[in-house]
Amino acid sequence: MRAPLTRRSGQDAAPTFAKLQTPVKQSLESLNNALKQSHKASTTFQKALDKKLRVKPIATDDNALLADYLLDYAVGMHLTRDGEFGVVTEFMNEIPWKDITSAPAGNQDYGALQTEFQEMYYILREMRSRHNLTPAMNWAREQSDALQARGSDLEFQLTKLMFISILLGVNNESASPTQRLLKAMMYAREALDRFEGRYIRTIQLLLGTVAFSANLEQSPYGNLDDYSPLAWEEVAVLFAQEYCSSIGLSAASPLSLAVTAGAIALPVLGKLAAITRLRRTEWTTSNEIPVEISLPPGFMHHPLVVCPVSKEVTTPNNPPMLLPCYHVVAKDSLARISKLGKYRCPYCPQEGQYNQAKRVYLD
């Protein structure tokens, strides 16, 4: 028979409660210690950050206000380019224009720029969301002369994408293959003829797809990039670049480029500052830095070439010269190291003749 249940006395339960309380207390103590260490580390980091990033008091003279204005202007331009029109309106209302006596003209341009970018983003939304190319093509026709002067192929890329979308029934899925084929051929006769001189090979490939429109992926033309979803994004990016060029702006935001380039260069500059403090030396050049900072190709603007012989920056009057061994020196340095029309490269032992060097043109 099962033994009857009996209640334990308070004296018997006390040791059990004590055993249960011990791990709970240990856990709480461990959490408190971890929180204390975390709080200490956070406080130490905050103090170090405040020490390193001391904000200088804002001066009240016109030059300081003008510098603040230019920074605010750059931020406003960046927000406008990103399509944050509501944010930029509130931001510009908070800028103290009345305190700036010598601000350059330009604050009135935000309204015009906002109108321009509103049109651009409307066209981009139509392209990306609805695959509607009509607004973009209308804009490209209006800018046809300017696009041709810049050597842009935006108008042809839009026309080509329109032909492909008609052939594949992108916006008309209910149409039969025969209807899409006939409509695409009619569009090709109307729109592609004017591009034959420059894009004849591409047009031939496009027309060749007509015979395989029912099964394009398995055809000889199935591996062309023009039929992938990425083609729409590529044309959209090209349109945004050309639109910005048409209103006198670069394709990328200058503020974004400056911040990104600064973030890339910051570790090198930090190491340079540490070495300078360690050696107790000073950075004496105001317009140049004594180290080379590698940036991606898209960040290279107004490149400079320093001659390895004279240690001077090349100029239009003393341009860089490319040697047959693919090393570059300044023209004056090349003339100094040349004897009787011959020279020895300062980089490598290869010899050459003075008239073999070619001038390098920088963008």
Protein backbone atom coordinates (compact mmCIF):
# COMPACT_ATOMS: atom_id res chain seq x y z
CA MET A 1 0.00 0.00 0.00
CA ARG A 2 1.13 3.60 -0.78
CA ALA A 3 2.39 5.49 2.25
CA PRO A 4 0.16 8.36 3.35
CA LEU A 5 1.26 11.89 2.41
CA THR A 6 2.52 13.98 5.26
CA ARG A 7 3.13 17.72 5.44
CA ARG A 8 6.69 18.84 6.04
CA SER A 9 7.30 21.18 8.87
CA GLY A 10 8.72 24.66 8.41
CA GLN A 11 12.03 23.48 9.74
CA ASP A 12 12.28 20.82 7.01
CA ALA A 13 11.42 23.33 4.20
CA ALA A 14 13.96 25.98 5.24
CA PRO A 15 17.02 24.17 3.87
CA THR A 16 15.22 23.61 0.58
CA PHE A 17 14.39 27.32 0.21
CA ALA A 18 17.95 28.20 1.08
CA LYS A 19 19.26 25.94 -1.67
CA LEU A 20 16.86 27.52 -4.18
CA GLN A 21 17.81 31.07 -3.19
CA THR A 22 21.53 30.52 -3.64
CA PRO A 23 21.60 30.17 -7.47
CA VAL A 24 19.11 33.06 -7.80
CA LYS A 25 21.37 35.33 -5.77
CA GLN A 26 24.39 34.26 -7.77
CA SER A 27 22.60 35.00 -11.04
CA LEU A 28 21.53 38.45 -9.84
CA GLU A 29 25.03 39.26 -8.65
CA SER A 30 26.44 38.14 -12.01
CA LEU A 31 23.96 40.34 -13.89
CA ASN A 32 24.74 43.32 -11.66
CA ASN A 33 28.47 42.89 -12.22
CA ALA A 34 27.96 42.69 -15.98
CA LEU A 35 25.79 45.82 -15.93
CA LYS A 36 28.39 47.68 -13.88
CA GLN A 37 31.14 46.76 -16.33
CA SER A 38 28.97 47.74 -19.28
CA HIS A 39 28.08 51.06 -17.67
CA LYS A 40 31.72 51.72 -16.86
CA ALA A 41 32.80 50.96 -20.43
CA SER A 42 30.04 53.18 -21.83
CA THR A 43 31.00 56.05 -19.53
CA THR A 44 34.68 55.71 -20.41
CA PHE A 45 33.90 55.64 -24.13
CA GLN A 46 31.68 58.72 -23.83
CA LYS A 47 34.41 60.65 -22.02
CA ALA A 48 37.01 59.64 -24.61
CA LEU A 49 34.66 60.57 -27.45
CA ASP A 50 33.92 63.97 -25.92
CA LYS A 51 37.64 64.55 -25.48
CA LYS A 52 38.48 63.68 -29.08
CA LEU A 53 35.52 65.44 -30.69
CA ARG A 54 35.52 68.74 -28.94
CA VAL A 55 33.20 71.14 -30.69
CA LYS A 56 34.69 74.58 -31.15
CA PRO A 57 32.52 77.51 -30.11
CA ILE A 58 30.62 78.96 -33.04
CA ALA A 59 31.92 82.37 -34.00
CA THR A 60 29.51 85.15 -34.79
CA ASP A 61 31.39 86.81 -37.62
CA ASP A 62 30.16 86.72 -41.20
CA ASN A 63 32.81 84.22 -42.35
CA ALA A 64 31.72 81.64 -39.79
CA LEU A 65 28.07 82.19 -40.62
CA LEU A 66 28.86 81.86 -44.30
CA ALA A 67 30.66 78.56 -43.68
CA ASP A 68 27.63 77.29 -41.75
CA TYR A 69 25.41 78.45 -44.58
CA LEU A 70 27.44 76.55 -47.17
CA LEU A 71 27.25 73.39 -45.07
CA ASP A 72 23.50 73.80 -44.67
CA TYR A 73 23.24 74.44 -48.39
CA ALA A 74 25.09 71.18 -49.11
CA VAL A 75 22.80 69.26 -46.76
CA GLY A 76 19.74 70.82 -48.36
CA MET A 77 20.99 69.93 -51.82
CA HIS A 78 21.61 66.35 -50.72
CA LEU A 79 18.10 66.03 -49.31
CA THR A 80 16.63 67.53 -52.46
CA ARG A 81 18.55 65.10 -54.67
CA ASP A 82 17.32 62.19 -52.55
CA GLY A 83 13.71 63.25 -53.02
CA GLU A 84 13.15 64.12 -49.34
CA PHE A 85 11.13 67.20 -50.26
CA GLY A 86 9.15 67.45 -47.02
CA VAL A 87 12.31 67.13 -44.92
CA VAL A 88 14.22 69.71 -46.94
CA THR A 89 11.38 72.22 -46.65
CA GLU A 90 11.42 72.00 -42.84
CA PHE A 91 15.21 72.02 -42.82
CA MET A 92 15.50 75.16 -44.93
CA ASN A 93 12.92 76.99 -42.78
CA GLU A 94 15.19 76.53 -39.74
CA ILE A 95 18.29 78.06 -41.37
CA PRO A 96 18.93 81.61 -40.07
CA TRP A 97 19.07 83.36 -43.45
CA LYS A 98 18.62 86.75 -41.79
CA ASP A 99 21.97 86.43 -39.99
CA ILE A 100 23.92 85.99 -43.22
CA THR A 101 24.89 89.29 -44.83
CA SER A 102 27.18 87.94 -47.56
CA ALA A 103 25.56 84.61 -48.45
CA PRO A 104 25.95 83.69 -52.11
CA ALA A 105 22.87 83.61 -54.26
CA GLY A 106 21.34 80.19 -54.38
CA ASN A 107 18.91 79.80 -51.50
CA GLN A 108 16.12 80.79 -53.88
CA ASP A 109 17.10 77.93 -56.21
CA TYR A 110 15.71 75.25 -53.91
CA GLY A 111 12.18 75.73 -55.21
CA ALA A 112 13.29 75.34 -58.83
CA LEU A 113 15.52 72.38 -57.99
CA GLN A 114 12.72 70.72 -56.06
CA THR A 115 10.45 71.05 -59.09
CA GLU A 116 13.13 69.54 -61.32
CA PHE A 117 13.74 66.57 -59.03
CA GLN A 118 10.04 66.00 -58.50
CA GLU A 119 9.75 65.52 -62.25
CA MET A 120 12.77 63.19 -62.26
CA TYR A 121 11.43 61.01 -59.46
CA TYR A 122 8.00 60.86 -61.08
CA ILE A 123 9.57 59.56 -64.29
CA LEU A 124 11.71 57.07 -62.36
CA ARG A 125 8.69 55.77 -60.44
CA GLU A 126 6.84 55.26 -63.71
CA MET A 127 9.78 53.30 -65.11
CA ARG A 128 10.53 51.16 -62.08
CA SER A 129 7.07 50.52 -60.66
CA ARG A 130 4.81 50.52 -63.71
CA HIS A 131 7.32 49.86 -66.54
CA ASN A 132 5.93 52.96 -68.21
CA LEU A 133 8.54 54.47 -70.52
CA THR A 134 6.39 57.19 -72.06
CA PRO A 135 7.32 60.06 -69.64
CA ALA A 136 11.03 59.23 -69.98
CA MET A 137 10.85 59.07 -73.76
CA ASN A 138 8.99 62.39 -73.94
CA TRP A 139 11.71 64.01 -71.83
CA ALA A 140 14.46 62.44 -73.96
CA ARG A 141 12.89 63.79 -77.15
CA GLU A 142 12.80 67.29 -75.69
CA GLN A 143 16.48 66.97 -74.72
CA SER A 144 17.49 65.17 -77.93
CA ASP A 145 19.95 67.83 -79.15
CA ALA A 146 21.65 68.16 -75.76
CA LEU A 147 21.90 64.37 -75.38
CA GLN A 148 23.48 64.00 -78.81
CA ALA A 149 25.94 66.80 -78.03
CA ARG A 150 27.07 64.87 -74.94
CA GLY A 151 27.29 61.61 -76.88
CA SER A 152 24.59 60.02 -74.72
CA ASP A 153 22.73 56.93 -75.92
CA LEU A 154 19.81 57.37 -73.48
CA GLU A 155 17.26 57.96 -76.22
CA PHE A 156 18.26 54.79 -78.05
CA GLN A 157 18.29 52.74 -74.85
CA LEU A 158 14.75 53.88 -74.07
CA THR A 159 13.61 53.11 -77.62
CA LYS A 160 15.21 49.67 -77.47
CA LEU A 161 13.59 48.91 -74.11
CA MET A 162 10.23 50.04 -75.46
CA PHE A 163 10.58 47.64 -78.42
CA ILE A 164 11.43 44.77 -76.07
CA SER A 165 8.54 45.54 -73.70
CA ILE A 166 6.09 45.58 -76.63
CA LEU A 167 7.48 42.32 -78.01
CA LEU A 168 7.25 40.58 -74.62
CA GLY A 169 3.92 42.15 -73.67
CA VAL A 170 5.22 43.71 -70.47
CA ASN A 171 2.23 46.04 -70.08
CA ASN A 172 -0.20 44.16 -72.33
CA GLU A 173 -0.26 40.54 -71.20
CA SER A 174 -3.72 39.97 -72.67
CA ALA A 175 -2.45 40.52 -76.22
CA SER A 176 -1.76 37.42 -78.25
CA PRO A 177 1.79 36.66 -79.45
CA THR A 178 0.78 37.60 -82.98
CA GLN A 179 -0.61 40.97 -81.86
CA ARG A 180 2.52 41.74 -79.87
CA LEU A 181 4.70 40.76 -82.81
CA LEU A 182 2.86 42.99 -85.26
CA LYS A 183 2.86 45.91 -82.83
CA ALA A 184 6.58 45.51 -82.18
CA MET A 185 7.34 45.48 -85.92
CA MET A 186 5.27 48.61 -86.47
CA TYR A 187 7.08 50.34 -83.62
CA ALA A 188 10.47 49.28 -85.01
CA ARG A 189 9.67 50.85 -88.41
CA GLU A 190 8.62 54.10 -86.75
CA ALA A 191 11.27 54.48 -84.04
CA LEU A 192 14.43 52.55 -84.93
CA ASP A 193 15.14 53.96 -88.37
CA ARG A 194 16.69 57.16 -87.04
CA PHE A 195 19.28 55.19 -85.05
CA GLU A 196 20.57 52.99 -87.88
CA GLY A 197 23.73 54.97 -88.49
CA ARG A 198 25.16 54.52 -85.00
CA TYR A 199 23.45 51.40 -83.68
CA ILE A 200 22.93 49.26 -86.79
CA ARG A 201 24.43 46.12 -85.23
CA THR A 202 22.24 46.35 -82.12
CA ILE A 203 19.15 46.98 -84.26
CA GLN A 204 19.91 43.89 -86.32
CA LEU A 205 20.05 41.81 -83.14
CA LEU A 206 16.78 43.30 -81.94
CA LEU A 207 14.99 42.50 -85.17
CA GLY A 208 16.42 39.00 -85.08
CA THR A 209 14.52 38.32 -81.88
CA VAL A 210 11.23 38.66 -83.72
CA ALA A 211 11.56 35.18 -85.20
CA PHE A 212 12.02 33.69 -81.70
CA SER A 213 9.59 35.85 -79.74
CA ALA A 214 7.46 32.83 -78.75
CA ASN A 215 10.40 31.15 -76.99
CA LEU A 216 13.02 33.84 -76.55
CA GLU A 217 14.84 32.27 -73.61
CA GLN A 218 15.71 29.14 -75.62
CA SER A 219 16.70 31.11 -78.71
CA PRO A 220 20.17 32.31 -79.78
CA TYR A 221 19.18 35.70 -78.33
CA GLY A 222 18.16 34.41 -74.92
CA ASN A 223 21.47 35.31 -73.26
CA LEU A 224 21.30 39.01 -74.12
CA ASP A 225 21.24 41.32 -71.11
CA ASP A 226 18.59 43.49 -72.76
CA TYR A 227 15.86 41.05 -71.74
CA SER A 228 16.72 40.70 -68.06
CA PRO A 229 14.95 42.65 -65.28
CA LEU A 230 18.24 44.45 -64.63
CA ALA A 231 17.88 46.21 -67.98
CA TRP A 232 15.10 48.37 -66.54
CA GLU A 233 17.26 49.42 -63.59
CA GLU A 234 20.26 50.14 -65.82
CA VAL A 235 18.19 52.43 -68.04
CA ALA A 236 16.70 54.11 -64.96
CA VAL A 237 20.18 54.83 -63.59
CA LEU A 238 21.28 56.17 -66.98
CA PHE A 239 18.21 58.40 -67.12
CA ALA A 240 18.92 59.81 -63.64
CA GLN A 241 22.52 60.58 -64.67
CA GLU A 242 21.48 62.36 -67.85
CA TYR A 243 18.72 64.27 -66.06
CA CYS A 244 21.18 65.58 -63.47
CA SER A 245 23.60 66.55 -66.25
CA SER A 246 20.86 68.47 -68.03
CA ILE A 247 20.36 70.73 -64.99
CA GLY A 248 24.08 71.16 -64.40
CA LEU A 249 24.55 68.70 -61.54
CA SER A 250 26.71 65.63 -61.13
CA ALA A 251 25.12 62.20 -61.07
CA ALA A 252 26.16 61.57 -57.45
CA SER A 253 25.59 63.80 -54.45
CA PRO A 254 28.76 65.81 -53.67
CA LEU A 255 28.00 65.59 -49.94
CA SER A 256 27.70 61.81 -50.14
CA LEU A 257 30.99 61.56 -52.05
CA ALA A 258 32.76 63.84 -49.59
CA VAL A 259 31.53 61.95 -46.51
CA THR A 260 32.34 58.54 -48.01
CA ALA A 261 35.80 59.66 -49.15
CA GLY A 262 36.44 61.12 -45.70
CA ALA A 263 35.41 57.87 -44.03
CA ILE A 264 37.81 55.94 -46.29
CA ALA A 265 40.65 58.37 -45.60
CA LEU A 266 40.04 58.71 -41.85
CA PRO A 267 42.04 55.60 -40.73
CA VAL A 268 45.07 56.73 -42.76
CA LEU A 269 44.86 60.26 -41.41
CA GLY A 270 44.45 58.92 -37.87
CA LYS A 271 47.58 56.82 -38.23
CA LEU A 272 49.43 59.82 -39.69
CA ALA A 273 48.40 61.95 -36.71
CA ALA A 274 49.59 59.26 -34.28
CA ILE A 275 52.98 59.02 -36.00
CA THR A 276 53.27 62.81 -36.04
CA ARG A 277 52.65 62.99 -32.28
CA LEU A 278 55.07 60.14 -31.60
CA ARG A 279 57.87 61.76 -33.60
CA ARG A 280 56.97 65.24 -32.35
CA THR A 281 56.80 66.62 -35.85
CA GLU A 282 54.28 68.89 -37.51
CA TRP A 283 52.31 68.77 -40.72
CA THR A 284 53.68 71.82 -42.54
CA THR A 285 51.91 71.60 -45.91
CA SER A 286 48.52 73.29 -46.05
CA ASN A 287 47.15 72.05 -49.38
CA GLU A 288 48.70 68.58 -49.56
CA ILE A 289 49.05 65.54 -47.32
CA PRO A 290 52.32 63.63 -46.99
CA VAL A 291 50.72 60.21 -47.58
CA GLU A 292 48.82 58.67 -50.45
CA ILE A 293 45.18 57.72 -49.85
CA SER A 294 43.70 55.20 -52.27
CA LEU A 295 40.11 55.93 -53.29
CA PRO A 296 37.78 54.01 -55.64
CA PRO A 297 37.71 55.20 -59.28
CA GLY A 298 34.39 56.97 -58.82
CA PHE A 299 35.96 59.27 -56.23
CA MET A 300 38.84 60.44 -58.41
CA HIS A 301 38.36 64.09 -59.40
CA HIS A 302 40.99 66.51 -60.71
CA PRO A 303 43.87 64.01 -60.45
CA LEU A 304 47.42 65.22 -59.91
CA VAL A 305 50.71 63.65 -60.96
CA VAL A 306 53.82 64.21 -58.86
CA CYS A 307 57.07 63.84 -60.78
CA PRO A 308 59.37 61.27 -59.11
CA VAL A 309 62.44 63.26 -60.19
CA SER A 310 61.59 66.83 -59.24
CA LYS A 311 59.01 65.88 -56.54
CA GLU A 312 56.75 68.60 -57.96
CA VAL A 313 53.17 68.47 -59.18
CA THR A 314 52.87 68.58 -62.94
CA THR A 315 51.14 71.55 -64.59
CA PRO A 316 49.85 72.38 -68.10
CA ASN A 317 53.18 74.12 -68.75
CA ASN A 318 55.09 71.14 -67.35
CA PRO A 319 52.80 68.22 -68.22
CA PRO A 320 53.30 64.54 -67.32
CA MET A 321 54.96 62.44 -70.01
CA LEU A 322 54.41 58.71 -70.49
CA LEU A 323 57.58 56.76 -71.25
CA PRO A 324 57.63 53.58 -73.37
CA CYS A 325 58.15 51.59 -70.16
CA TYR A 326 54.81 53.05 -68.89
CA HIS A 327 56.39 55.20 -66.19
CA VAL A 328 55.48 58.89 -65.95
CA VAL A 329 57.75 61.89 -65.32
CA ALA A 330 57.35 65.63 -65.81
CA LYS A 331 58.38 67.11 -69.15
CA ASP A 332 61.06 69.37 -67.63
CA SER A 333 62.52 66.45 -65.68
CA LEU A 334 62.60 64.33 -68.81
CA ALA A 335 64.49 67.10 -70.59
CA ARG A 336 67.02 67.31 -67.73
CA ILE A 337 67.75 63.57 -67.61
CA SER A 338 67.98 63.29 -71.40
CA LYS A 339 71.38 63.50 -73.04
CA LEU A 340 71.64 63.74 -76.80
CA GLY A 341 67.99 62.75 -77.08
CA LYS A 342 68.37 59.62 -74.93
CA TYR A 343 67.48 58.97 -71.29
CA ARG A 344 67.40 56.28 -68.62
CA CYS A 345 64.10 55.84 -66.80
CA PRO A 346 64.36 56.88 -63.11
CA TYR A 347 62.08 53.97 -62.13
CA CYS A 348 63.66 51.15 -64.11
CA PRO A 349 66.92 50.71 -66.05
CA GLN A 350 65.16 50.82 -69.43
CA GLU A 351 66.53 53.38 -71.87
CA GLY A 352 64.62 55.32 -74.48
CA GLN A 353 64.59 58.34 -76.73
CA TYR A 354 63.10 61.70 -75.83
CA ASN A 355 60.73 61.82 -78.81
CA GLN A 356 59.18 58.47 -77.81
CA ALA A 357 57.54 59.97 -74.72
CA LYS A 358 53.85 60.93 -75.01
CA ARG A 359 51.96 63.54 -73.08
CA VAL A 360 49.37 62.38 -70.53
CA TYR A 361 46.10 64.33 -70.43
CA LEU A 362 44.27 64.44 -67.10
CA ASP A 363 40.52 64.93 -66.71
